[in-house]
Amino acid sequence: MTKIRLSCETVQFRYIIDKLKPSFSSLNAKNIELSKSFYSKKGTLYNAQNLYTNKISNPKSKDKIDNIIKHLQ
């Protein structure tokens, strides 16, 4: 199974999930937890509760994230 280690903060990852969610039918915190594939930069496996509680509307590097996602569309 592939392990994906993210080098961003959890609030940034949560923001990215929310921005990409309309493009994917099953992209949500629970499915990320069930996949057992996503790890924080410290090596901690992401769980749904952790992702639910780390939602903020203006994370660090928001403009960069928005620009990258804009170019994906």
PDB file of N, CA and C in Angstrom:
ATOM      1  N   MET A   1       0.841  -1.172   0.000  1.00  0.00           N
ATOM      2  CA  MET A   1       0.000   0.000   0.000  1.00  0.00           C
ATOM      3  C   MET A   1       0.892   1.243   0.000  1.00  0.00           C
ATOM      4  N   THR A   2       0.508   2.235  -0.753  1.00  0.00           N
ATOM      5  CA  THR A   2       1.267   3.469  -0.872  1.00  0.00           C
ATOM      6  C   THR A   2       1.058   4.347   0.354  1.00  0.00           C
ATOM      7  N   LYS A   3       2.151   4.885   0.880  1.00  0.00           N
ATOM      8  CA  LYS A   3       2.077   5.827   1.981  1.00  0.00           C
ATOM      9  C   LYS A   3       2.419   7.209   1.449  1.00  0.00           C
ATOM     10  N   ILE A   4       1.552   8.163   1.723  1.00  0.00           N
ATOM     11  CA  ILE A   4       1.735   9.525   1.251  1.00  0.00           C
ATOM     12  C   ILE A   4       2.055  10.403   2.450  1.00  0.00           C
ATOM     13  N   ARG A   5       3.269  10.908   2.494  1.00  0.00           N
ATOM     14  CA  ARG A   5       3.679  11.782   3.594  1.00  0.00           C
ATOM     15  C   ARG A   5       3.612  13.217   3.091  1.00  0.00           C
ATOM     16  N   LEU A   6       2.790  14.015   3.749  1.00  0.00           N
ATOM     17  CA  LEU A   6       2.587  15.407   3.357  1.00  0.00           C
ATOM     18  C   LEU A   6       3.519  16.315   4.141  1.00  0.00           C
ATOM     19  N   SER A   7       4.066  17.309   3.472  1.00  0.00           N
ATOM     20  CA  SER A   7       4.981  18.219   4.152  1.00  0.00           C
ATOM     21  C   SER A   7       4.312  19.556   4.464  1.00  0.00           C
ATOM     22  N   CYS A   8       3.001  19.561   4.503  1.00  0.00           N
ATOM     23  CA  CYS A   8       2.273  20.781   4.850  1.00  0.00           C
ATOM     24  C   CYS A   8       1.610  20.607   6.218  1.00  0.00           C
ATOM     25  N   GLU A   9       1.118  21.709   6.742  1.00  0.00           N
ATOM     26  CA  GLU A   9       0.409  21.657   8.015  1.00  0.00           C
ATOM     27  C   GLU A   9      -0.958  20.997   7.822  1.00  0.00           C
ATOM     28  N   THR A  10      -1.494  20.465   8.891  1.00  0.00           N
ATOM     29  CA  THR A  10      -2.792  19.796   8.827  1.00  0.00           C
ATOM     30  C   THR A  10      -3.886  20.749   8.368  1.00  0.00           C
ATOM     31  N   VAL A  11      -3.862  21.994   8.822  1.00  0.00           N
ATOM     32  CA  VAL A  11      -4.888  22.959   8.394  1.00  0.00           C
ATOM     33  C   VAL A  11      -4.780  23.233   6.896  1.00  0.00           C
ATOM     34  N   GLN A  12      -3.571  23.203   6.352  1.00  0.00           N
ATOM     35  CA  GLN A  12      -3.406  23.384   4.915  1.00  0.00           C
ATOM     36  C   GLN A  12      -3.954  22.176   4.161  1.00  0.00           C
ATOM     37  N   PHE A  13      -3.659  20.982   4.663  1.00  0.00           N
ATOM     38  CA  PHE A  13      -4.177  19.770   4.030  1.00  0.00           C
ATOM     39  C   PHE A  13      -5.702  19.766   4.046  1.00  0.00           C
ATOM     40  N   ARG A  14      -6.276  20.128   5.166  1.00  0.00           N
ATOM     41  CA  ARG A  14      -7.741  20.191   5.270  1.00  0.00           C
ATOM     42  C   ARG A  14      -8.308  21.198   4.273  1.00  0.00           C
ATOM     43  N   TYR A  15      -7.655  22.338   4.125  1.00  0.00           N
ATOM     44  CA  TYR A  15      -8.099  23.357   3.170  1.00  0.00           C
ATOM     45  C   TYR A  15      -8.042  22.796   1.738  1.00  0.00           C
ATOM     46  N   ILE A  16      -6.964  22.104   1.418  1.00  0.00           N
ATOM     47  CA  ILE A  16      -6.819  21.503   0.090  1.00  0.00           C
ATOM     48  C   ILE A  16      -7.923  20.474  -0.160  1.00  0.00           C
ATOM     49  N   ILE A  17      -8.211  19.652   0.830  1.00  0.00           N
ATOM     50  CA  ILE A  17      -9.296  18.669   0.701  1.00  0.00           C
ATOM     51  C   ILE A  17     -10.609  19.381   0.376  1.00  0.00           C
ATOM     52  N   ASP A  18     -10.908  20.433   1.122  1.00  0.00           N
ATOM     53  CA  ASP A  18     -12.158  21.164   0.909  1.00  0.00           C
ATOM     54  C   ASP A  18     -12.220  21.795  -0.479  1.00  0.00           C
ATOM     55  N   LYS A  19     -11.090  22.295  -0.967  1.00  0.00           N
ATOM     56  CA  LYS A  19     -11.064  22.919  -2.290  1.00  0.00           C
ATOM     57  C   LYS A  19     -11.195  21.890  -3.411  1.00  0.00           C
ATOM     58  N   LEU A  20     -10.641  20.697  -3.217  1.00  0.00           N
ATOM     59  CA  LEU A  20     -10.691  19.661  -4.249  1.00  0.00           C
ATOM     60  C   LEU A  20     -11.941  18.799  -4.181  1.00  0.00           C
ATOM     61  N   LYS A  21     -12.627  18.840  -3.067  1.00  0.00           N
ATOM     62  CA  LYS A  21     -13.791  17.979  -2.829  1.00  0.00           C
ATOM     63  C   LYS A  21     -14.830  17.996  -3.958  1.00  0.00           C
ATOM     64  N   PRO A  22     -15.166  19.164  -4.536  1.00  0.00           N
ATOM     65  CA  PRO A  22     -16.167  19.153  -5.619  1.00  0.00           C
ATOM     66  C   PRO A  22     -15.754  18.345  -6.855  1.00  0.00           C
ATOM     67  N   SER A  23     -14.463  18.116  -7.017  1.00  0.00           N
ATOM     68  CA  SER A  23     -13.975  17.386  -8.194  1.00  0.00           C
ATOM     69  C   SER A  23     -13.885  15.882  -7.992  1.00  0.00           C
ATOM     70  N   PHE A  24     -14.085  15.419  -6.763  1.00  0.00           N
ATOM     71  CA  PHE A  24     -13.970  13.999  -6.447  1.00  0.00           C
ATOM     72  C   PHE A  24     -15.197  13.530  -5.683  1.00  0.00           C
ATOM     73  N   SER A  25     -15.695  12.366  -6.033  1.00  0.00           N
ATOM     74  CA  SER A  25     -16.935  11.889  -5.431  1.00  0.00           C
ATOM     75  C   SER A  25     -16.773  11.377  -3.997  1.00  0.00           C
ATOM     76  N   SER A  26     -15.595  10.930  -3.624  1.00  0.00           N
ATOM     77  CA  SER A  26     -15.424  10.328  -2.303  1.00  0.00           C
ATOM     78  C   SER A  26     -14.305  10.963  -1.482  1.00  0.00           C
ATOM     79  N   LEU A  27     -13.955  12.179  -1.795  1.00  0.00           N
ATOM     80  CA  LEU A  27     -12.879  12.845  -1.065  1.00  0.00           C
ATOM     81  C   LEU A  27     -13.442  13.490   0.198  1.00  0.00           C
ATOM     82  N   ASN A  28     -13.177  12.838   1.322  1.00  0.00           N
ATOM     83  CA  ASN A  28     -13.606  13.366   2.610  1.00  0.00           C
ATOM     84  C   ASN A  28     -12.692  12.828   3.708  1.00  0.00           C
ATOM     85  N   ALA A  29     -12.784  13.429   4.869  1.00  0.00           N
ATOM     86  CA  ALA A  29     -11.898  13.079   5.977  1.00  0.00           C
ATOM     87  C   ALA A  29     -12.017  11.604   6.375  1.00  0.00           C
ATOM     88  N   LYS A  30     -13.215  11.083   6.385  1.00  0.00           N
ATOM     89  CA  LYS A  30     -13.423   9.684   6.787  1.00  0.00           C
ATOM     90  C   LYS A  30     -12.740   8.724   5.809  1.00  0.00           C
ATOM     91  N   ASN A  31     -12.876   8.982   4.513  1.00  0.00           N
ATOM     92  CA  ASN A  31     -12.248   8.109   3.524  1.00  0.00           C
ATOM     93  C   ASN A  31     -10.727   8.234   3.541  1.00  0.00           C
ATOM     94  N   ILE A  32     -10.228   9.420   3.855  1.00  0.00           N
ATOM     95  CA  ILE A  32      -8.781   9.592   3.997  1.00  0.00           C
ATOM     96  C   ILE A  32      -8.292   8.738   5.157  1.00  0.00           C
ATOM     97  N   GLU A  33      -9.024   8.756   6.265  1.00  0.00           N
ATOM     98  CA  GLU A  33      -8.658   7.911   7.406  1.00  0.00           C
ATOM     99  C   GLU A  33      -8.707   6.429   7.031  1.00  0.00           C
ATOM    100  N   LEU A  34      -9.776   6.011   6.381  1.00  0.00           N
ATOM    101  CA  LEU A  34      -9.941   4.600   6.025  1.00  0.00           C
ATOM    102  C   LEU A  34      -8.866   4.104   5.054  1.00  0.00           C
ATOM    103  N   SER A  35      -8.339   5.005   4.236  1.00  0.00           N
ATOM    104  CA  SER A  35      -7.302   4.600   3.279  1.00  0.00           C
ATOM    105  C   SER A  35      -5.995   4.221   3.965  1.00  0.00           C
ATOM    106  N   LYS A  36      -5.773   4.752   5.158  1.00  0.00           N
ATOM    107  CA  LYS A  36      -4.533   4.523   5.912  1.00  0.00           C
ATOM    108  C   LYS A  36      -3.303   4.792   5.050  1.00  0.00           C
ATOM    109  N   SER A  37      -3.388   5.844   4.221  1.00  0.00           N
ATOM    110  CA  SER A  37      -2.308   6.182   3.297  1.00  0.00           C
ATOM    111  C   SER A  37      -1.705   7.560   3.532  1.00  0.00           C
ATOM    112  N   PHE A  38      -2.374   8.411   4.280  1.00  0.00           N
ATOM    113  CA  PHE A  38      -1.937   9.799   4.408  1.00  0.00           C
ATOM    114  C   PHE A  38      -1.321  10.057   5.779  1.00  0.00           C
ATOM    115  N   TYR A  39      -0.087  10.559   5.749  1.00  0.00           N
ATOM    116  CA  TYR A  39       0.673  10.809   6.970  1.00  0.00           C
ATOM    117  C   TYR A  39       1.115  12.268   7.034  1.00  0.00           C
ATOM    118  N   SER A  40       1.178  12.792   8.239  1.00  0.00           N
ATOM    119  CA  SER A  40       1.641  14.160   8.441  1.00  0.00           C
ATOM    120  C   SER A  40       3.150  14.232   8.237  1.00  0.00           C
ATOM    121  N   LYS A  41       3.672  15.453   8.219  1.00  0.00           N
ATOM    122  CA  LYS A  41       5.112  15.598   8.030  1.00  0.00           C
ATOM    123  C   LYS A  41       5.907  14.998   9.184  1.00  0.00           C
ATOM    124  N   LYS A  42       5.249  14.769  10.326  1.00  0.00           N
ATOM    125  CA  LYS A  42       5.902  14.122  11.463  1.00  0.00           C
ATOM    126  C   LYS A  42       5.704  12.606  11.461  1.00  0.00           C
ATOM    127  N   GLY A  43       4.998  12.099  10.440  1.00  0.00           N
ATOM    128  CA  GLY A  43       4.807  10.663  10.320  1.00  0.00           C
ATOM    129  C   GLY A  43       3.563  10.112  10.995  1.00  0.00           C
ATOM    130  N   THR A  44       2.677  10.990  11.446  1.00  0.00           N
ATOM    131  CA  THR A  44       1.441  10.559  12.103  1.00  0.00           C
ATOM    132  C   THR A  44       0.356  10.293  11.060  1.00  0.00           C
ATOM    133  N   LEU A  45      -0.281   9.150  11.180  1.00  0.00           N
ATOM    134  CA  LEU A  45      -1.376   8.805  10.283  1.00  0.00           C
ATOM    135  C   LEU A  45      -2.545   9.751  10.516  1.00  0.00           C
ATOM    136  N   TYR A  46      -3.072  10.351   9.441  1.00  0.00           N
ATOM    137  CA  TYR A  46      -4.220  11.252   9.579  1.00  0.00           C
ATOM    138  C   TYR A  46      -5.464  10.459   9.931  1.00  0.00           C
ATOM    139  N   ASN A  47      -6.262  10.993  10.839  1.00  0.00           N
ATOM    140  CA  ASN A  47      -7.559  10.410  11.129  1.00  0.00           C
ATOM    141  C   ASN A  47      -8.631  11.469  10.888  1.00  0.00           C
ATOM    142  N   ALA A  48      -9.853  11.034  10.748  1.00  0.00           N
ATOM    143  CA  ALA A  48     -10.953  11.941  10.407  1.00  0.00           C
ATOM    144  C   ALA A  48     -11.132  13.029  11.459  1.00  0.00           C
ATOM    145  N   GLN A  49     -11.071  12.670  12.717  1.00  0.00           N
ATOM    146  CA  GLN A  49     -11.273  13.652  13.783  1.00  0.00           C
ATOM    147  C   GLN A  49     -10.236  14.765  13.706  1.00  0.00           C
ATOM    148  N   ASN A  50      -9.003  14.400  13.465  1.00  0.00           N
ATOM    149  CA  ASN A  50      -7.938  15.387  13.353  1.00  0.00           C
ATOM    150  C   ASN A  50      -8.196  16.342  12.188  1.00  0.00           C
ATOM    151  N   LEU A  51      -8.655  15.816  11.076  1.00  0.00           N
ATOM    152  CA  LEU A  51      -8.944  16.663   9.914  1.00  0.00           C
ATOM    153  C   LEU A  51     -10.183  17.530  10.150  1.00  0.00           C
ATOM    154  N   TYR A  52     -11.204  16.978  10.811  1.00  0.00           N
ATOM    155  CA  TYR A  52     -12.409  17.769  11.086  1.00  0.00           C
ATOM    156  C   TYR A  52     -12.107  18.953  11.997  1.00  0.00           C
ATOM    157  N   THR A  53     -11.245  18.760  12.981  1.00  0.00           N
ATOM    158  CA  THR A  53     -10.984  19.828  13.950  1.00  0.00           C
ATOM    159  C   THR A  53      -9.969  20.849  13.457  1.00  0.00           C
ATOM    160  N   ASN A  54      -9.327  20.595  12.329  1.00  0.00           N
ATOM    161  CA  ASN A  54      -8.317  21.523  11.808  1.00  0.00           C
ATOM    162  C   ASN A  54      -8.805  22.297  10.597  1.00  0.00           C
ATOM    163  N   LYS A  55     -10.059  22.691  10.619  1.00  0.00           N
ATOM    164  CA  LYS A  55     -10.614  23.470   9.517  1.00  0.00           C
ATOM    165  C   LYS A  55     -10.537  24.956   9.860  1.00  0.00           C
ATOM    166  N   ILE A  56      -9.832  25.698   9.003  1.00  0.00           N
ATOM    167  CA  ILE A  56      -9.834  27.155   9.089  1.00  0.00           C
ATOM    168  C   ILE A  56      -9.967  27.693   7.670  1.00  0.00           C
ATOM    169  N   SER A  57     -10.533  28.868   7.532  1.00  0.00           N
ATOM    170  CA  SER A  57     -10.802  29.403   6.200  1.00  0.00           C
ATOM    171  C   SER A  57      -9.624  30.149   5.592  1.00  0.00           C
ATOM    172  N   ASN A  58      -8.613  30.447   6.400  1.00  0.00           N
ATOM    173  CA  ASN A  58      -7.492  31.223   5.881  1.00  0.00           C
ATOM    174  C   ASN A  58      -6.155  30.638   6.366  1.00  0.00           C
ATOM    175  N   PRO A  59      -5.778  29.450   5.853  1.00  0.00           N
ATOM    176  CA  PRO A  59      -4.526  28.838   6.314  1.00  0.00           C
ATOM    177  C   PRO A  59      -3.308  29.568   5.743  1.00  0.00           C
ATOM    178  N   LYS A  60      -2.156  29.290   6.315  1.00  0.00           N
ATOM    179  CA  LYS A  60      -0.910  29.829   5.786  1.00  0.00           C
ATOM    180  C   LYS A  60      -0.765  29.399   4.324  1.00  0.00           C
ATOM    181  N   SER A  61      -0.281  30.281   3.488  1.00  0.00           N
ATOM    182  CA  SER A  61      -0.058  30.031   2.054  1.00  0.00           C
ATOM    183  C   SER A  61      -1.358  29.806   1.285  1.00  0.00           C
ATOM    184  N   LYS A  62      -2.466  30.337   1.780  1.00  0.00           N
ATOM    185  CA  LYS A  62      -3.767  30.168   1.120  1.00  0.00           C
ATOM    186  C   LYS A  62      -3.725  30.627  -0.334  1.00  0.00           C
ATOM    187  N   ASP A  63      -3.098  31.779  -0.594  1.00  0.00           N
ATOM    188  CA  ASP A  63      -3.042  32.291  -1.963  1.00  0.00           C
ATOM    189  C   ASP A  63      -2.271  31.351  -2.890  1.00  0.00           C
ATOM    190  N   LYS A  64      -1.177  30.777  -2.412  1.00  0.00           N
ATOM    191  CA  LYS A  64      -0.409  29.827  -3.217  1.00  0.00           C
ATOM    192  C   LYS A  64      -1.240  28.577  -3.506  1.00  0.00           C
ATOM    193  N   ILE A  65      -1.918  28.072  -2.479  1.00  0.00           N
ATOM    194  CA  ILE A  65      -2.751  26.877  -2.639  1.00  0.00           C
ATOM    195  C   ILE A  65      -3.859  27.144  -3.650  1.00  0.00           C
ATOM    196  N   ASP A  66      -4.529  28.274  -3.509  1.00  0.00           N
ATOM    197  CA  ASP A  66      -5.606  28.634  -4.437  1.00  0.00           C
ATOM    198  C   ASP A  66      -5.094  28.753  -5.866  1.00  0.00           C
ATOM    199  N   ASN A  67      -3.913  29.324  -6.030  1.00  0.00           N
ATOM    200  CA  ASN A  67      -3.339  29.491  -7.361  1.00  0.00           C
ATOM    201  C   ASN A  67      -3.011  28.140  -7.990  1.00  0.00           C
ATOM    202  N   ILE A  68      -2.463  27.233  -7.218  1.00  0.00           N
ATOM    203  CA  ILE A  68      -2.149  25.896  -7.736  1.00  0.00           C
ATOM    204  C   ILE A  68      -3.429  25.166  -8.143  1.00  0.00           C
ATOM    205  N   ILE A  69      -4.436  25.230  -7.308  1.00  0.00           N
ATOM    206  CA  ILE A  69      -5.701  24.546  -7.612  1.00  0.00           C
ATOM    207  C   ILE A  69      -6.376  25.176  -8.812  1.00  0.00           C
ATOM    208  N   LYS A  70      -6.273  26.470  -8.950  1.00  0.00           N
ATOM    209  CA  LYS A  70      -6.828  27.164 -10.119  1.00  0.00           C
ATOM    210  C   LYS A  70      -6.205  26.640 -11.406  1.00  0.00           C
ATOM    211  N   HIS A  71      -4.899  26.381 -11.387  1.00  0.00           N
ATOM    212  CA  HIS A  71      -4.220  25.884 -12.580  1.00  0.00           C
ATOM    213  C   HIS A  71      -4.535  24.409 -12.860  1.00  0.00           C
ATOM    214  N   LEU A  72      -5.048  23.698 -11.880  1.00  0.00           N
ATOM    215  CA  LEU A  72      -5.438  22.311 -12.086  1.00  0.00           C
ATOM    216  C   LEU A  72      -6.770  22.193 -12.831  1.00  0.00           C
ATOM    217  N   GLN A  73      -7.576  23.235 -12.761  1.00  0.00           N
ATOM    218  CA  GLN A  73      -8.924  23.167 -13.345  1.00  0.00           C
ATOM    219  C   GLN A  73      -8.907  23.366 -14.834  1.00  0.00           C
TER     220      GLN A  73
END
